[in-house]
Amino acid sequence: MPANRPNRETVLDREATAWELRCKGLTHDRIARRLGVTRRAVGLILDRVEKRELKRLAASVERQKVTQTGQLEHLIDESLRAWRKSKQPRNRVVASGANPKSEDIEKTEVVDQTGDPRYLAAAMEAMDRMRDLWGLNVQAAAQESAGSVSEIVREMAERARRYEQTPAEGHPADPGGDAAGDRGRAGGLPGGPGAVQ
């Protein structure tokens, strides 16, 4: 090993110190002065640390997602079981006559139930949270392939061109195709903004 190359322990100490100083908000120049190395060396040190931290955090996030998925699946299962149970018929004791405690006048009725919608809402909420957790609750517009800015600008320019070529009611365009009579009026509306150019 070359004499000027630091050993593993020194490298790890520098990385830990550089990372701590960076987390405190110090610039690369100030960290370099503290460590007695070049600014470029600080960049390389922090790059190594950031890559390791990112990998560690990514693994931690994935583990957390798995744990929370299990918890949400349990909540969904519990809520749906409670929903099904709330739809089952139940027995109700009905008393008739003057003495409701008398056994000879009590009867049991079976009452149909429609189910408690709160359990269903809880299941749906847990399902929604799971979709959020896994990034599946993307808006429909975001799922479509988005056009580039230049495509959007071209489309807007084309719409403006077609708009200008369309004669306004009562103000026909001149035969040369220029809607000169409409300049300064949007669609022939009095006081409207200038035509799109």
N, C-alpha and C. Protein backbone atom coordinates (compact mmCIF):
# COMPACT_ATOMS: atom_id res chain seq x y z
N MET A 1 0.85 -1.18 0.00
CA MET A 1 0.00 0.00 0.00
C MET A 1 0.90 1.25 0.00
N PRO A 2 0.60 2.23 -0.91
CA PRO A 2 1.42 3.45 -0.95
C PRO A 2 1.37 4.19 0.39
N ALA A 3 2.48 4.85 0.71
CA ALA A 3 2.60 5.52 2.00
C ALA A 3 1.60 6.67 2.15
N ASN A 4 1.25 7.36 1.03
CA ASN A 4 0.36 8.51 1.13
C ASN A 4 -1.12 8.14 1.11
N ARG A 5 -1.41 6.88 0.96
CA ARG A 5 -2.81 6.45 0.92
C ARG A 5 -3.29 6.15 2.34
N PRO A 6 -4.43 6.77 2.78
CA PRO A 6 -4.89 6.54 4.15
C PRO A 6 -5.45 5.13 4.32
N ASN A 7 -5.35 4.62 5.56
CA ASN A 7 -5.89 3.28 5.83
C ASN A 7 -7.42 3.35 5.96
N ARG A 8 -8.04 2.19 6.06
CA ARG A 8 -9.50 2.08 6.08
C ARG A 8 -10.12 2.86 7.24
N GLU A 9 -9.48 2.79 8.39
CA GLU A 9 -10.01 3.48 9.58
C GLU A 9 -10.01 5.00 9.37
N THR A 10 -8.93 5.51 8.79
CA THR A 10 -8.84 6.95 8.52
C THR A 10 -9.91 7.38 7.52
N VAL A 11 -10.10 6.55 6.48
CA VAL A 11 -11.11 6.84 5.46
C VAL A 11 -12.50 6.92 6.10
N LEU A 12 -12.83 5.95 6.94
CA LEU A 12 -14.14 5.93 7.59
C LEU A 12 -14.32 7.12 8.53
N ASP A 13 -13.25 7.49 9.24
CA ASP A 13 -13.32 8.66 10.14
C ASP A 13 -13.57 9.93 9.33
N ARG A 14 -12.85 10.07 8.21
CA ARG A 14 -13.05 11.25 7.35
C ARG A 14 -14.47 11.29 6.81
N GLU A 15 -14.95 10.14 6.38
CA GLU A 15 -16.32 10.09 5.84
C GLU A 15 -17.33 10.50 6.90
N ALA A 16 -17.17 9.96 8.12
CA ALA A 16 -18.11 10.28 9.20
C ALA A 16 -18.06 11.77 9.54
N THR A 17 -16.84 12.33 9.60
CA THR A 17 -16.70 13.75 9.92
C THR A 17 -17.26 14.61 8.80
N ALA A 18 -16.93 14.27 7.55
CA ALA A 18 -17.42 15.05 6.41
C ALA A 18 -18.94 15.03 6.37
N TRP A 19 -19.53 13.86 6.61
CA TRP A 19 -20.99 13.73 6.58
C TRP A 19 -21.63 14.56 7.70
N GLU A 20 -21.04 14.49 8.88
CA GLU A 20 -21.57 15.24 10.02
C GLU A 20 -21.51 16.74 9.73
N LEU A 21 -20.39 17.21 9.18
CA LEU A 21 -20.24 18.63 8.88
C LEU A 21 -21.19 19.06 7.76
N ARG A 22 -21.37 18.19 6.78
CA ARG A 22 -22.29 18.52 5.68
C ARG A 22 -23.71 18.61 6.20
N CYS A 23 -24.08 17.69 7.09
CA CYS A 23 -25.43 17.71 7.67
C CYS A 23 -25.64 18.97 8.51
N LYS A 24 -24.56 19.54 9.04
CA LYS A 24 -24.66 20.78 9.80
C LYS A 24 -24.73 21.99 8.88
N GLY A 25 -24.55 21.76 7.56
CA GLY A 25 -24.70 22.85 6.60
C GLY A 25 -23.40 23.47 6.12
N LEU A 26 -22.25 22.91 6.48
CA LEU A 26 -20.99 23.47 6.03
C LEU A 26 -20.80 23.24 4.53
N THR A 27 -20.12 24.19 3.89
CA THR A 27 -19.84 24.06 2.46
C THR A 27 -18.70 23.07 2.25
N HIS A 28 -18.51 22.67 1.01
CA HIS A 28 -17.40 21.75 0.69
C HIS A 28 -16.06 22.40 1.01
N ASP A 29 -15.94 23.70 0.77
CA ASP A 29 -14.67 24.40 1.06
C ASP A 29 -14.35 24.36 2.55
N ARG A 30 -15.34 24.65 3.37
CA ARG A 30 -15.09 24.64 4.83
C ARG A 30 -14.78 23.24 5.33
N ILE A 31 -15.48 22.23 4.78
CA ILE A 31 -15.21 20.85 5.18
C ILE A 31 -13.79 20.47 4.77
N ALA A 32 -13.38 20.88 3.57
CA ALA A 32 -12.03 20.59 3.08
C ALA A 32 -10.97 21.18 4.01
N ARG A 33 -11.19 22.43 4.45
CA ARG A 33 -10.23 23.06 5.38
C ARG A 33 -10.18 22.30 6.71
N ARG A 34 -11.34 21.89 7.21
CA ARG A 34 -11.38 21.16 8.50
C ARG A 34 -10.66 19.82 8.40
N LEU A 35 -10.85 19.13 7.27
CA LEU A 35 -10.25 17.80 7.12
C LEU A 35 -8.82 17.85 6.59
N GLY A 36 -8.42 19.00 6.07
CA GLY A 36 -7.07 19.11 5.51
C GLY A 36 -6.94 18.39 4.18
N VAL A 37 -8.02 18.39 3.40
CA VAL A 37 -8.01 17.75 2.08
C VAL A 37 -8.50 18.76 1.04
N THR A 38 -8.47 18.37 -0.24
CA THR A 38 -8.94 19.27 -1.28
C THR A 38 -10.47 19.26 -1.33
N ARG A 39 -10.99 20.30 -2.00
CA ARG A 39 -12.44 20.39 -2.19
C ARG A 39 -12.94 19.20 -3.01
N ARG A 40 -12.18 18.79 -4.01
CA ARG A 40 -12.53 17.64 -4.85
C ARG A 40 -12.61 16.37 -4.00
N ALA A 41 -11.67 16.22 -3.06
CA ALA A 41 -11.68 15.04 -2.18
C ALA A 41 -12.95 15.02 -1.33
N VAL A 42 -13.37 16.19 -0.87
CA VAL A 42 -14.61 16.28 -0.08
C VAL A 42 -15.79 15.82 -0.93
N GLY A 43 -15.84 16.27 -2.19
CA GLY A 43 -16.91 15.85 -3.09
C GLY A 43 -16.95 14.35 -3.26
N LEU A 44 -15.79 13.73 -3.42
CA LEU A 44 -15.72 12.27 -3.59
C LEU A 44 -16.14 11.54 -2.30
N ILE A 45 -15.68 12.08 -1.16
CA ILE A 45 -16.04 11.47 0.13
C ILE A 45 -17.56 11.51 0.32
N LEU A 46 -18.14 12.69 0.13
CA LEU A 46 -19.59 12.85 0.34
C LEU A 46 -20.38 12.03 -0.67
N ASP A 47 -19.88 11.91 -1.88
CA ASP A 47 -20.56 11.09 -2.89
C ASP A 47 -20.64 9.63 -2.44
N ARG A 48 -19.53 9.11 -1.89
CA ARG A 48 -19.53 7.72 -1.39
C ARG A 48 -20.53 7.55 -0.25
N VAL A 49 -20.50 8.51 0.68
CA VAL A 49 -21.39 8.42 1.84
C VAL A 49 -22.85 8.52 1.41
N GLU A 50 -23.15 9.46 0.52
CA GLU A 50 -24.54 9.64 0.06
C GLU A 50 -25.06 8.39 -0.63
N LYS A 51 -24.22 7.75 -1.45
CA LYS A 51 -24.65 6.52 -2.13
C LYS A 51 -24.95 5.42 -1.13
N ARG A 52 -24.08 5.29 -0.11
CA ARG A 52 -24.32 4.26 0.93
C ARG A 52 -25.59 4.57 1.71
N GLU A 53 -25.77 5.85 2.09
CA GLU A 53 -26.95 6.25 2.85
C GLU A 53 -28.23 6.05 2.04
N LEU A 54 -28.16 6.39 0.76
CA LEU A 54 -29.33 6.23 -0.10
C LEU A 54 -29.73 4.76 -0.20
N LYS A 55 -28.73 3.90 -0.36
CA LYS A 55 -29.01 2.46 -0.43
C LYS A 55 -29.62 1.96 0.87
N ARG A 56 -29.05 2.43 2.01
CA ARG A 56 -29.56 2.02 3.31
C ARG A 56 -30.99 2.52 3.52
N LEU A 57 -31.23 3.78 3.16
CA LEU A 57 -32.57 4.34 3.34
C LEU A 57 -33.58 3.67 2.41
N ALA A 58 -33.16 3.38 1.18
CA ALA A 58 -34.07 2.72 0.23
C ALA A 58 -34.50 1.36 0.77
N ALA A 59 -33.53 0.62 1.32
CA ALA A 59 -33.87 -0.69 1.90
C ALA A 59 -34.79 -0.52 3.10
N SER A 60 -34.54 0.51 3.91
CA SER A 60 -35.38 0.77 5.08
C SER A 60 -36.80 1.15 4.65
N VAL A 61 -36.91 1.97 3.62
CA VAL A 61 -38.24 2.38 3.12
C VAL A 61 -39.00 1.17 2.61
N GLU A 62 -38.32 0.30 1.87
CA GLU A 62 -38.98 -0.89 1.34
C GLU A 62 -39.46 -1.81 2.47
N ARG A 63 -38.63 -1.97 3.50
CA ARG A 63 -39.05 -2.79 4.65
C ARG A 63 -40.26 -2.18 5.33
N GLN A 64 -40.24 -0.85 5.48
CA GLN A 64 -41.37 -0.16 6.11
C GLN A 64 -42.64 -0.33 5.28
N LYS A 65 -42.51 -0.26 3.95
CA LYS A 65 -43.66 -0.45 3.08
C LYS A 65 -44.25 -1.85 3.24
N VAL A 66 -43.37 -2.83 3.37
CA VAL A 66 -43.84 -4.21 3.55
C VAL A 66 -44.59 -4.34 4.87
N THR A 67 -44.03 -3.77 5.94
CA THR A 67 -44.68 -3.83 7.25
C THR A 67 -46.04 -3.15 7.21
N GLN A 68 -46.08 -1.94 6.64
CA GLN A 68 -47.35 -1.21 6.60
C GLN A 68 -48.35 -1.89 5.68
N THR A 69 -47.87 -2.55 4.64
CA THR A 69 -48.79 -3.29 3.77
C THR A 69 -49.45 -4.41 4.56
N GLY A 70 -48.67 -5.12 5.37
CA GLY A 70 -49.24 -6.17 6.21
C GLY A 70 -50.27 -5.63 7.18
N GLN A 71 -49.97 -4.48 7.77
CA GLN A 71 -50.91 -3.87 8.71
C GLN A 71 -52.20 -3.44 8.01
N LEU A 72 -52.05 -2.85 6.83
CA LEU A 72 -53.24 -2.42 6.08
C LEU A 72 -54.06 -3.62 5.61
N GLU A 73 -53.39 -4.69 5.20
CA GLU A 73 -54.12 -5.89 4.80
C GLU A 73 -54.93 -6.44 5.98
N HIS A 74 -54.34 -6.39 7.18
CA HIS A 74 -55.05 -6.84 8.38
C HIS A 74 -56.28 -5.97 8.64
N LEU A 75 -56.11 -4.64 8.50
CA LEU A 75 -57.25 -3.73 8.71
C LEU A 75 -58.35 -3.97 7.67
N ILE A 76 -57.95 -4.21 6.45
CA ILE A 76 -58.93 -4.49 5.39
C ILE A 76 -59.70 -5.76 5.72
N ASP A 77 -58.96 -6.80 6.12
CA ASP A 77 -59.60 -8.08 6.45
C ASP A 77 -60.56 -7.92 7.63
N GLU A 78 -60.11 -7.24 8.69
CA GLU A 78 -60.98 -7.03 9.87
C GLU A 78 -62.23 -6.23 9.50
N SER A 79 -62.04 -5.18 8.70
CA SER A 79 -63.18 -4.32 8.34
C SER A 79 -64.18 -5.07 7.47
N LEU A 80 -63.69 -5.86 6.53
CA LEU A 80 -64.60 -6.61 5.67
C LEU A 80 -65.32 -7.73 6.43
N ARG A 81 -64.62 -8.35 7.38
CA ARG A 81 -65.30 -9.38 8.20
C ARG A 81 -66.38 -8.73 9.04
N ALA A 82 -66.09 -7.56 9.62
CA ALA A 82 -67.11 -6.85 10.41
C ALA A 82 -68.27 -6.42 9.52
N TRP A 83 -67.98 -6.01 8.29
CA TRP A 83 -69.02 -5.62 7.33
C TRP A 83 -69.93 -6.81 7.03
N ARG A 84 -69.32 -7.97 6.74
CA ARG A 84 -70.14 -9.17 6.45
C ARG A 84 -70.98 -9.55 7.66
N LYS A 85 -70.38 -9.48 8.86
CA LYS A 85 -71.11 -9.84 10.07
C LYS A 85 -72.26 -8.86 10.31
N SER A 86 -72.06 -7.59 9.99
CA SER A 86 -73.11 -6.59 10.23
C SER A 86 -74.30 -6.77 9.27
N LYS A 87 -74.13 -7.56 8.22
CA LYS A 87 -75.23 -7.82 7.28
C LYS A 87 -76.03 -9.06 7.66
N GLN A 88 -75.52 -9.85 8.60
CA GLN A 88 -76.23 -11.08 8.98
C GLN A 88 -77.47 -10.75 9.80
N PRO A 89 -78.53 -11.56 9.63
CA PRO A 89 -79.74 -11.34 10.43
C PRO A 89 -79.44 -11.50 11.92
N ARG A 90 -80.15 -10.78 12.73
CA ARG A 90 -79.96 -10.92 14.18
C ARG A 90 -81.30 -11.21 14.83
N ASN A 91 -81.20 -11.83 15.98
CA ASN A 91 -82.41 -12.16 16.74
C ASN A 91 -82.74 -11.01 17.68
N ARG A 92 -84.06 -10.75 17.79
CA ARG A 92 -84.50 -9.69 18.68
C ARG A 92 -85.67 -10.23 19.50
N VAL A 93 -85.60 -10.04 20.81
CA VAL A 93 -86.68 -10.48 21.70
C VAL A 93 -87.72 -9.37 21.77
N VAL A 94 -88.95 -9.75 21.51
CA VAL A 94 -90.05 -8.79 21.53
C VAL A 94 -91.00 -9.19 22.65
N ALA A 95 -91.34 -8.26 23.54
CA ALA A 95 -92.28 -8.53 24.63
C ALA A 95 -93.61 -7.87 24.29
N SER A 96 -94.67 -8.56 24.61
CA SER A 96 -95.98 -7.97 24.39
C SER A 96 -96.80 -8.13 25.65
N GLY A 97 -97.77 -7.32 25.85
CA GLY A 97 -98.63 -7.41 27.03
C GLY A 97 -98.17 -6.47 28.12
N ALA A 98 -98.86 -6.59 29.27
CA ALA A 98 -98.62 -5.67 30.36
C ALA A 98 -97.34 -5.99 31.11
N ASN A 99 -96.96 -7.28 31.18
CA ASN A 99 -95.80 -7.68 31.96
C ASN A 99 -94.69 -8.14 31.00
N PRO A 100 -93.73 -7.28 30.65
CA PRO A 100 -92.70 -7.65 29.68
C PRO A 100 -91.74 -8.72 30.19
N LYS A 101 -91.73 -8.99 31.54
CA LYS A 101 -90.82 -10.01 32.06
C LYS A 101 -91.43 -11.40 32.06
N SER A 102 -92.65 -11.52 31.76
CA SER A 102 -93.31 -12.81 31.74
C SER A 102 -92.84 -13.61 30.53
N GLU A 103 -92.38 -14.87 30.77
CA GLU A 103 -91.80 -15.67 29.69
C GLU A 103 -92.84 -16.12 28.69
N ASP A 104 -94.09 -16.27 29.07
CA ASP A 104 -95.10 -16.79 28.15
C ASP A 104 -95.52 -15.76 27.09
N ILE A 105 -95.14 -14.51 27.28
CA ILE A 105 -95.52 -13.53 26.27
C ILE A 105 -94.31 -12.99 25.49
N GLU A 106 -93.12 -13.55 25.71
CA GLU A 106 -91.94 -13.13 24.96
C GLU A 106 -91.82 -13.96 23.70
N LYS A 107 -91.39 -13.33 22.62
CA LYS A 107 -91.13 -14.07 21.40
C LYS A 107 -89.88 -13.50 20.75
N THR A 108 -89.24 -14.30 19.90
CA THR A 108 -88.01 -13.89 19.23
C THR A 108 -88.30 -13.65 17.77
N GLU A 109 -87.80 -12.51 17.26
CA GLU A 109 -87.93 -12.18 15.84
C GLU A 109 -86.55 -12.20 15.19
N VAL A 110 -86.51 -12.59 13.94
CA VAL A 110 -85.28 -12.50 13.17
C VAL A 110 -85.36 -11.22 12.35
N VAL A 111 -84.38 -10.35 12.54
CA VAL A 111 -84.38 -9.05 11.87
C VAL A 111 -83.26 -9.03 10.83
N ASP A 112 -83.64 -8.77 9.58
CA ASP A 112 -82.63 -8.62 8.52
C ASP A 112 -81.91 -7.30 8.71
N GLN A 113 -80.63 -7.30 8.35
CA GLN A 113 -79.84 -6.08 8.45
C GLN A 113 -79.19 -5.77 7.11
N THR A 114 -79.05 -4.50 6.83
CA THR A 114 -78.42 -4.11 5.56
C THR A 114 -76.91 -3.99 5.69
N GLY A 115 -76.40 -3.97 6.89
CA GLY A 115 -74.96 -3.85 7.10
C GLY A 115 -74.58 -2.44 7.51
N ASP A 116 -73.53 -2.34 8.31
CA ASP A 116 -73.07 -1.05 8.80
C ASP A 116 -72.05 -0.49 7.81
N PRO A 117 -72.39 0.58 7.10
CA PRO A 117 -71.49 1.10 6.06
C PRO A 117 -70.17 1.65 6.62
N ARG A 118 -70.09 1.88 7.91
CA ARG A 118 -68.82 2.38 8.49
C ARG A 118 -67.71 1.35 8.32
N TYR A 119 -68.05 0.06 8.42
CA TYR A 119 -67.03 -0.98 8.24
C TYR A 119 -66.54 -1.00 6.79
N LEU A 120 -67.45 -0.85 5.87
CA LEU A 120 -67.09 -0.82 4.46
C LEU A 120 -66.23 0.41 4.16
N ALA A 121 -66.59 1.54 4.74
CA ALA A 121 -65.81 2.77 4.54
C ALA A 121 -64.39 2.61 5.10
N ALA A 122 -64.28 1.94 6.25
CA ALA A 122 -62.96 1.71 6.85
C ALA A 122 -62.11 0.83 5.94
N ALA A 123 -62.72 -0.20 5.35
CA ALA A 123 -61.99 -1.08 4.44
C ALA A 123 -61.53 -0.31 3.21
N MET A 124 -62.42 0.51 2.68
CA MET A 124 -62.08 1.28 1.49
C MET A 124 -60.98 2.30 1.79
N GLU A 125 -61.01 2.90 2.96
CA GLU A 125 -59.97 3.85 3.36
C GLU A 125 -58.61 3.13 3.47
N ALA A 126 -58.59 1.93 4.06
CA ALA A 126 -57.35 1.18 4.16
C ALA A 126 -56.83 0.78 2.78
N MET A 127 -57.74 0.44 1.87
CA MET A 127 -57.33 0.11 0.50
C MET A 127 -56.72 1.33 -0.18
N ASP A 128 -57.32 2.49 0.06
CA ASP A 128 -56.81 3.71 -0.53
C ASP A 128 -55.42 4.04 0.01
N ARG A 129 -55.24 3.84 1.31
CA ARG A 129 -53.93 4.08 1.92
C ARG A 129 -52.88 3.14 1.33
N MET A 130 -53.28 1.89 1.06
CA MET A 130 -52.33 0.93 0.47
C MET A 130 -51.95 1.37 -0.94
N ARG A 131 -52.94 1.86 -1.71
CA ARG A 131 -52.61 2.35 -3.05
C ARG A 131 -51.65 3.53 -2.98
N ASP A 132 -51.86 4.43 -2.00
CA ASP A 132 -50.93 5.55 -1.81
C ASP A 132 -49.52 5.05 -1.47
N LEU A 133 -49.46 4.08 -0.59
CA LEU A 133 -48.18 3.53 -0.14
C LEU A 133 -47.36 2.98 -1.30
N TRP A 134 -48.03 2.34 -2.23
CA TRP A 134 -47.34 1.72 -3.37
C TRP A 134 -47.36 2.60 -4.62
N GLY A 135 -47.83 3.84 -4.49
CA GLY A 135 -47.79 4.77 -5.62
C GLY A 135 -48.78 4.44 -6.72
N LEU A 136 -49.90 3.82 -6.37
CA LEU A 136 -50.90 3.43 -7.38
C LEU A 136 -52.02 4.44 -7.51
N ASN A 137 -52.09 5.43 -6.63
CA ASN A 137 -53.15 6.45 -6.68
C ASN A 137 -52.71 7.62 -7.54
N VAL A 138 -52.34 7.34 -8.77
CA VAL A 138 -51.89 8.39 -9.68
C VAL A 138 -53.10 8.91 -10.43
N GLN A 139 -53.18 10.22 -10.59
CA GLN A 139 -54.31 10.80 -11.31
C GLN A 139 -54.29 10.33 -12.75
N ALA A 140 -55.48 10.24 -13.32
CA ALA A 140 -55.59 9.75 -14.69
C ALA A 140 -54.76 10.57 -15.66
N ALA A 141 -54.74 11.89 -15.48
CA ALA A 141 -53.98 12.74 -16.40
C ALA A 141 -52.49 12.45 -16.31
N ALA A 142 -52.02 12.14 -15.11
CA ALA A 142 -50.60 11.86 -14.95
C ALA A 142 -50.23 10.50 -15.54
N GLN A 143 -51.19 9.60 -15.68
CA GLN A 143 -50.91 8.29 -16.24
C GLN A 143 -50.76 8.35 -17.76
N GLU A 144 -51.38 9.34 -18.38
CA GLU A 144 -51.23 9.47 -19.82
C GLU A 144 -49.85 9.99 -20.13
N SER A 145 -49.35 9.64 -21.30
CA SER A 145 -48.02 10.12 -21.65
C SER A 145 -48.11 11.62 -21.89
N ALA A 146 -47.37 12.35 -21.11
CA ALA A 146 -47.42 13.80 -21.19
C ALA A 146 -46.61 14.27 -22.39
N GLY A 147 -47.15 15.24 -23.11
CA GLY A 147 -46.44 15.80 -24.24
C GLY A 147 -45.35 16.73 -23.75
N SER A 148 -44.40 17.00 -24.60
CA SER A 148 -43.34 17.92 -24.23
C SER A 148 -43.90 19.34 -24.25
N VAL A 149 -43.15 20.24 -23.66
CA VAL A 149 -43.57 21.64 -23.61
C VAL A 149 -43.69 22.18 -25.03
N SER A 150 -42.74 21.78 -25.90
CA SER A 150 -42.79 22.28 -27.28
C SER A 150 -44.05 21.79 -27.99
N GLU A 151 -44.50 20.55 -27.71
CA GLU A 151 -45.74 20.04 -28.31
C GLU A 151 -46.95 20.84 -27.82
N ILE A 152 -46.96 21.17 -26.55
CA ILE A 152 -48.06 21.94 -25.98
C ILE A 152 -48.08 23.34 -26.60
N VAL A 153 -46.91 23.96 -26.74
CA VAL A 153 -46.83 25.30 -27.33
C VAL A 153 -47.30 25.26 -28.78
N ARG A 154 -46.85 24.22 -29.53
CA ARG A 154 -47.29 24.10 -30.93
C ARG A 154 -48.80 23.96 -31.03
N GLU A 155 -49.38 23.14 -30.13
CA GLU A 155 -50.83 22.95 -30.14
C GLU A 155 -51.55 24.26 -29.82
N MET A 156 -51.05 25.01 -28.84
CA MET A 156 -51.67 26.29 -28.50
C MET A 156 -51.56 27.28 -29.66
N ALA A 157 -50.41 27.29 -30.34
CA ALA A 157 -50.23 28.19 -31.48
C ALA A 157 -51.19 27.82 -32.61
N GLU A 158 -51.38 26.52 -32.82
CA GLU A 158 -52.31 26.06 -33.86
C GLU A 158 -53.74 26.47 -33.52
N ARG A 159 -54.12 26.34 -32.26
CA ARG A 159 -55.46 26.76 -31.83
C ARG A 159 -55.65 28.26 -32.05
N ALA A 160 -54.62 29.03 -31.71
CA ALA A 160 -54.69 30.48 -31.89
C ALA A 160 -54.83 30.82 -33.37
N ARG A 161 -54.07 30.12 -34.23
CA ARG A 161 -54.14 30.38 -35.66
C ARG A 161 -55.54 30.08 -36.19
N ARG A 162 -56.11 28.94 -35.78
CA ARG A 162 -57.46 28.59 -36.23
C ARG A 162 -58.48 29.60 -35.72
N TYR A 163 -58.29 30.05 -34.49
CA TYR A 163 -59.20 31.03 -33.89
C TYR A 163 -59.18 32.32 -34.70
N GLU A 164 -57.99 32.77 -35.05
CA GLU A 164 -57.88 34.03 -35.80
C GLU A 164 -58.46 33.90 -37.19
N GLN A 165 -58.42 32.71 -37.76
CA GLN A 165 -58.94 32.52 -39.12
C GLN A 165 -60.45 32.35 -39.15
N THR A 166 -61.05 32.08 -38.01
CA THR A 166 -62.50 31.90 -37.94
C THR A 166 -63.15 33.27 -37.89
N PRO A 167 -64.03 33.58 -38.89
CA PRO A 167 -64.67 34.89 -38.88
C PRO A 167 -65.62 35.01 -37.70
N ALA A 168 -65.62 36.19 -37.08
CA ALA A 168 -66.52 36.45 -35.97
C ALA A 168 -67.90 36.75 -36.53
N GLU A 169 -68.94 36.52 -35.74
CA GLU A 169 -70.31 36.78 -36.17
C GLU A 169 -70.47 38.24 -36.55
N GLY A 170 -70.94 38.45 -37.78
CA GLY A 170 -71.17 39.81 -38.23
C GLY A 170 -69.91 40.52 -38.70
N HIS A 171 -68.73 39.87 -38.61
CA HIS A 171 -67.48 40.47 -39.04
C HIS A 171 -66.74 39.47 -39.91
N PRO A 172 -67.14 39.31 -41.16
CA PRO A 172 -66.48 38.33 -42.01
C PRO A 172 -65.03 38.72 -42.25
N ALA A 173 -64.21 37.67 -42.36
CA ALA A 173 -62.80 37.91 -42.64
C ALA A 173 -62.64 38.42 -44.06
N ASP A 174 -61.57 39.18 -44.33
CA ASP A 174 -61.38 39.68 -45.69
C ASP A 174 -61.04 38.51 -46.62
N PRO A 175 -61.22 38.64 -47.90
CA PRO A 175 -61.01 37.54 -48.82
C PRO A 175 -59.61 36.97 -48.79
N GLY A 176 -58.64 37.71 -48.34
CA GLY A 176 -57.26 37.22 -48.29
C GLY A 176 -57.03 36.28 -47.13
N GLY A 177 -58.02 35.99 -46.33
CA GLY A 177 -57.88 35.06 -45.20
C GLY A 177 -57.45 35.75 -43.92
N ASP A 178 -57.21 37.07 -43.94
CA ASP A 178 -56.80 37.80 -42.75
C ASP A 178 -58.03 38.37 -42.08
N ALA A 179 -58.25 38.03 -40.86
CA ALA A 179 -59.42 38.54 -40.13
C ALA A 179 -59.10 39.93 -39.63
N ALA A 180 -58.80 40.82 -40.59
CA ALA A 180 -58.36 42.17 -40.22
C ALA A 180 -59.44 42.94 -39.50
N GLY A 181 -60.70 42.66 -39.87
CA GLY A 181 -61.78 43.39 -39.22
C GLY A 181 -61.90 43.05 -37.76
N ASP A 182 -61.29 41.94 -37.33
CA ASP A 182 -61.42 41.52 -35.94
C ASP A 182 -60.21 41.87 -35.10
N ARG A 183 -59.20 42.48 -35.66
CA ARG A 183 -58.01 42.81 -34.87
C ARG A 183 -58.41 43.71 -33.71
N GLY A 184 -57.89 43.38 -32.52
CA GLY A 184 -58.20 44.18 -31.34
C GLY A 184 -59.47 43.75 -30.66
N ARG A 185 -60.17 42.75 -31.26
CA ARG A 185 -61.40 42.25 -30.63
C ARG A 185 -61.33 40.74 -30.63
N ALA A 186 -61.58 40.14 -29.49
CA ALA A 186 -61.55 38.69 -29.38
C ALA A 186 -62.90 38.15 -29.77
N GLY A 187 -62.96 37.42 -30.92
CA GLY A 187 -64.20 36.79 -31.35
C GLY A 187 -65.29 37.80 -31.60
N GLY A 188 -64.94 39.03 -31.91
CA GLY A 188 -65.95 40.04 -32.19
C GLY A 188 -66.62 40.58 -30.95
N LEU A 189 -66.11 40.27 -29.76
CA LEU A 189 -66.73 40.77 -28.53
C LEU A 189 -66.24 42.18 -28.26
N PRO A 190 -67.13 43.10 -28.00
CA PRO A 190 -66.70 44.48 -27.72
C PRO A 190 -65.81 44.52 -26.49
N GLY A 191 -64.72 45.25 -26.59
CA GLY A 191 -63.84 45.43 -25.43
C GLY A 191 -63.02 44.21 -25.09
N GLY A 192 -63.04 43.19 -25.96
CA GLY A 192 -62.28 41.97 -25.67
C GLY A 192 -60.80 42.22 -25.82
N PRO A 193 -59.98 41.31 -25.33
CA PRO A 193 -58.53 41.47 -25.44
C PRO A 193 -58.12 41.34 -26.90
N GLY A 194 -56.93 41.77 -27.21
CA GLY A 194 -56.40 41.69 -28.57
C GLY A 194 -56.36 40.26 -29.05
N ALA A 195 -56.39 40.08 -30.36
CA ALA A 195 -56.36 38.74 -30.94
C ALA A 195 -55.04 38.08 -30.65
N VAL A 196 -55.07 36.78 -30.53
CA VAL A 196 -53.84 36.01 -30.26
C VAL A 196 -52.96 36.10 -31.47
N GLN A 197 -51.70 36.42 -31.32
CA GLN A 197 -50.78 36.56 -32.46
C GLN A 197 -49.85 35.40 -32.54
